[in-house]
C-alpha cells in the first residue's frame, strides 16, 4: 500500500535522491487520507455536474444548451482536477504534459474550450454537442494513458472490429 501511495503522489524516488526543498515540501503536504477524501469529493462533484448537465439536454428551454455545456465542462474539469489531490498539482501537470500524454492533454483542453465557445458565444447547438462527444472521447483517451497497455488494447480492439 505504501508503494501505491508513493507512486500516486509522485514520490517514487528514494529519500537520498530527494533534495532539501522536496523533503520540506513533502512534510507540509496533506495526509494520505485527506488527499483521498479530497479526490473523492472533487470527483463526485465532477460526476454530479456532468450528469446534471446531461439532464439539461432534455429540458426544452432556450438556456438548456448553455447550462448543459457549462455543467458538463465544469464536471470534466472538476474530475480532472480531482487527481491533483492524489499526486499534487505540480506532479499532475508534469504527468499531463509528459511526452506520452501531450496529445491527449491538448485534445482534452481544446475540446473543453471549444465546447464552451460553441455554447456561450457561437450558440450552435449541434456543434456544442459534437464538442461534448469529442470531450468525452478525449477524456477517455487521456484516462486510458494512465493504465499500462490500455490504449494499445483499445487500438487493437478497434482495429479488429473494423477489419
Protein backbone atom coordinates (compact mmCIF):
# COMPACT_ATOMS: atom_id res chain seq x y z
CA UNK A 1 0.00 0.00 0.00
CA UNK A 2 2.90 2.34 0.76
CA UNK A 3 4.33 1.71 -2.71
CA UNK A 4 0.97 2.68 -4.27
CA UNK A 5 0.88 5.87 -2.20
CA UNK A 6 4.39 6.78 -3.30
CA UNK A 7 3.66 6.17 -6.98
CA UNK A 8 0.36 8.10 -6.95
CA UNK A 9 1.84 11.03 -5.06
CA UNK A 10 4.88 11.14 -7.35
CA UNK A 11 7.31 10.10 -4.61
CA UNK A 12 8.70 7.02 -6.32
CA UNK A 13 12.30 8.17 -5.70
CA UNK A 14 14.42 7.15 -2.74
CA UNK A 15 14.85 9.53 0.19
CA UNK A 16 18.55 10.03 -0.64
CA UNK A 17 17.75 11.28 -4.16
CA UNK A 18 15.37 13.99 -2.95
CA UNK A 19 16.64 17.49 -2.26
CA UNK A 20 16.00 19.51 0.87
CA UNK A 21 13.24 21.54 -0.86
CA UNK A 22 11.38 18.37 -1.83
CA UNK A 23 11.66 16.97 1.68
CA UNK A 24 10.35 20.20 3.23
CA UNK A 25 7.53 20.31 0.68
CA UNK A 26 6.62 16.70 1.42
CA UNK A 27 6.49 17.42 5.14
CA UNK A 28 3.94 20.19 4.64
CA UNK A 29 1.58 18.39 2.28
CA UNK A 30 -1.80 16.86 3.05
CA UNK A 31 -2.02 13.45 4.68
CA UNK A 32 -2.94 10.46 2.53
CA UNK A 33 -6.44 10.20 4.00
CA UNK A 34 -7.08 13.93 3.40
CA UNK A 35 -5.85 13.57 -0.18
CA UNK A 36 -8.13 10.59 -0.72
CA UNK A 37 -11.12 12.46 0.73
CA UNK A 38 -10.37 15.48 -1.47
CA UNK A 39 -10.11 13.26 -4.53
CA UNK A 40 -13.42 11.51 -3.80
CA UNK A 41 -15.29 14.76 -3.08
CA UNK A 42 -13.90 16.57 -6.12
CA UNK A 43 -14.53 13.57 -8.40
CA UNK A 44 -18.08 13.17 -7.05
CA UNK A 45 -18.76 16.87 -7.72
CA UNK A 46 -17.44 16.39 -11.24
CA UNK A 47 -19.63 13.37 -11.95
CA UNK A 48 -22.66 15.10 -10.44
CA UNK A 49 -22.14 18.22 -12.55
CA UNK A 50 -21.68 16.15 -15.71
CA UNK A 51 -24.87 14.17 -15.03
CA UNK A 52 -26.78 17.33 -14.14
CA UNK A 53 -25.53 18.92 -17.35
CA UNK A 54 -26.72 15.91 -19.34
CA UNK A 55 -30.20 16.29 -17.86
CA UNK A 56 -30.34 19.85 -19.16
CA UNK A 57 -30.28 18.45 -22.70
CA UNK A 58 -33.76 17.04 -22.18
CA UNK A 59 -35.31 20.23 -20.80
CA UNK A 60 -36.89 22.32 -23.55
CA UNK A 61 -35.57 25.79 -22.80
CA UNK A 62 -33.57 28.45 -24.57
CA UNK A 63 -30.82 28.26 -21.94
CA UNK A 64 -30.67 24.46 -21.65
CA UNK A 65 -27.80 24.14 -24.15
CA UNK A 66 -25.74 26.75 -22.35
CA UNK A 67 -26.36 25.13 -18.98
CA UNK A 68 -25.54 21.72 -20.45
CA UNK A 69 -22.20 22.89 -21.81
CA UNK A 70 -21.25 24.74 -18.65
CA UNK A 71 -22.17 21.93 -16.24
CA UNK A 72 -20.74 19.17 -18.42
CA UNK A 73 -17.46 21.01 -18.94
CA UNK A 74 -17.19 22.03 -15.28
CA UNK A 75 -17.80 18.40 -14.34
CA UNK A 76 -14.96 17.22 -16.54
CA UNK A 77 -12.63 19.93 -15.24
CA UNK A 78 -13.51 19.01 -11.65
CA UNK A 79 -12.92 15.31 -12.32
CA UNK A 80 -9.61 16.12 -13.98
CA UNK A 81 -8.63 18.39 -11.08
CA UNK A 82 -9.51 15.70 -8.54
CA UNK A 83 -6.36 13.77 -9.40
CA UNK A 84 -4.32 16.75 -8.16
CA UNK A 85 -5.27 15.64 -4.65
CA UNK A 86 -3.65 12.25 -5.19
CA UNK A 87 -0.36 13.30 -6.72
CA UNK A 88 -0.17 17.05 -6.15
CA UNK A 89 -0.70 19.82 -8.70
CA UNK A 90 2.92 20.07 -9.88
CA UNK A 91 3.26 16.34 -10.40
CA UNK A 92 -0.14 16.27 -12.11
CA UNK A 93 0.95 18.96 -14.57
CA UNK A 94 4.25 17.15 -15.22
CA UNK A 95 2.40 13.93 -15.98
CA UNK A 96 -0.30 15.66 -18.05
CA UNK A 97 2.26 17.24 -20.34
CA UNK A 98 4.67 14.31 -20.49
CA UNK A 99 5.53 13.01 -23.95
CA UNK A 100 3.09 10.08 -23.78
CA UNK A 101 0.12 12.27 -22.76
CA UNK A 102 0.84 15.53 -24.57
CA UNK A 103 -1.55 14.91 -27.47
CA UNK A 104 -4.32 13.57 -25.23
CA UNK A 105 -3.97 16.52 -22.83
CA UNK A 106 -4.01 19.02 -25.68
CA UNK A 107 -7.13 17.41 -27.15
CA UNK A 108 -8.89 17.49 -23.78
CA UNK A 109 -8.11 21.17 -23.21
CA UNK A 110 -9.06 22.16 -26.77
CA UNK A 111 -12.35 20.25 -26.56
CA UNK A 112 -13.15 21.86 -23.20
CA UNK A 113 -12.59 25.33 -24.67
CA UNK A 114 -14.46 24.63 -27.92
CA UNK A 115 -17.46 23.23 -26.05
CA UNK A 116 -17.80 26.44 -24.08
CA UNK A 117 -17.24 28.59 -27.19
CA UNK A 118 -19.90 26.73 -29.18
CA UNK A 119 -22.45 27.06 -26.39
CA UNK A 120 -21.71 30.50 -24.95
CA UNK A 121 -20.55 32.60 -27.90
CA UNK A 122 -21.45 30.85 -31.14
CA UNK A 123 -24.82 29.46 -29.91
CA UNK A 124 -24.63 26.45 -32.26
CA UNK A 125 -26.31 23.51 -30.53
CA UNK A 126 -25.09 20.76 -32.85
CA UNK A 127 -21.52 21.94 -32.60
CA UNK A 128 -21.67 22.10 -28.80
CA UNK A 129 -22.97 18.54 -28.64
CA UNK A 130 -20.28 17.39 -31.09
CA UNK A 131 -17.59 19.01 -28.95
CA UNK A 132 -19.05 17.37 -25.83
CA UNK A 133 -18.81 13.98 -27.52
CA UNK A 134 -15.23 14.76 -28.55
CA UNK A 135 -14.58 15.97 -25.00
CA UNK A 136 -15.80 12.62 -23.64
CA UNK A 137 -13.64 10.68 -26.09
CA UNK A 138 -10.59 12.84 -25.36
CA UNK A 139 -11.06 12.43 -21.59
CA UNK A 140 -11.42 8.67 -22.05
CA UNK A 141 -8.23 8.52 -24.14
CA UNK A 142 -6.44 10.66 -21.56
CA UNK A 143 -7.64 8.41 -18.72
CA UNK A 144 -6.51 5.30 -20.58
CA UNK A 145 -2.99 6.74 -20.77
CA UNK A 146 -2.60 6.08 -17.04
CA UNK A 147 -3.35 2.35 -17.40
CA UNK A 148 -0.43 0.36 -18.81
CA UNK A 149 -1.15 -1.01 -22.31
CA UNK A 150 -4.79 0.15 -22.18
CA UNK A 151 -4.51 2.40 -25.24
CA UNK A 152 -2.83 -0.38 -27.19
CA UNK A 153 -5.64 -2.76 -26.22
CA UNK A 154 -8.29 -0.24 -27.35
CA UNK A 155 -6.45 0.33 -30.66
CA UNK A 156 -6.22 -3.42 -31.28
CA UNK A 157 -9.89 -3.92 -30.38
CA UNK A 158 -10.99 -1.15 -32.76
CA UNK A 159 -8.72 -2.47 -35.50
CA UNK A 160 -10.16 -5.97 -35.15
CA UNK A 161 -13.73 -4.63 -35.21
CA UNK A 162 -13.13 -2.53 -38.32
CA UNK A 163 -11.27 -5.02 -40.39
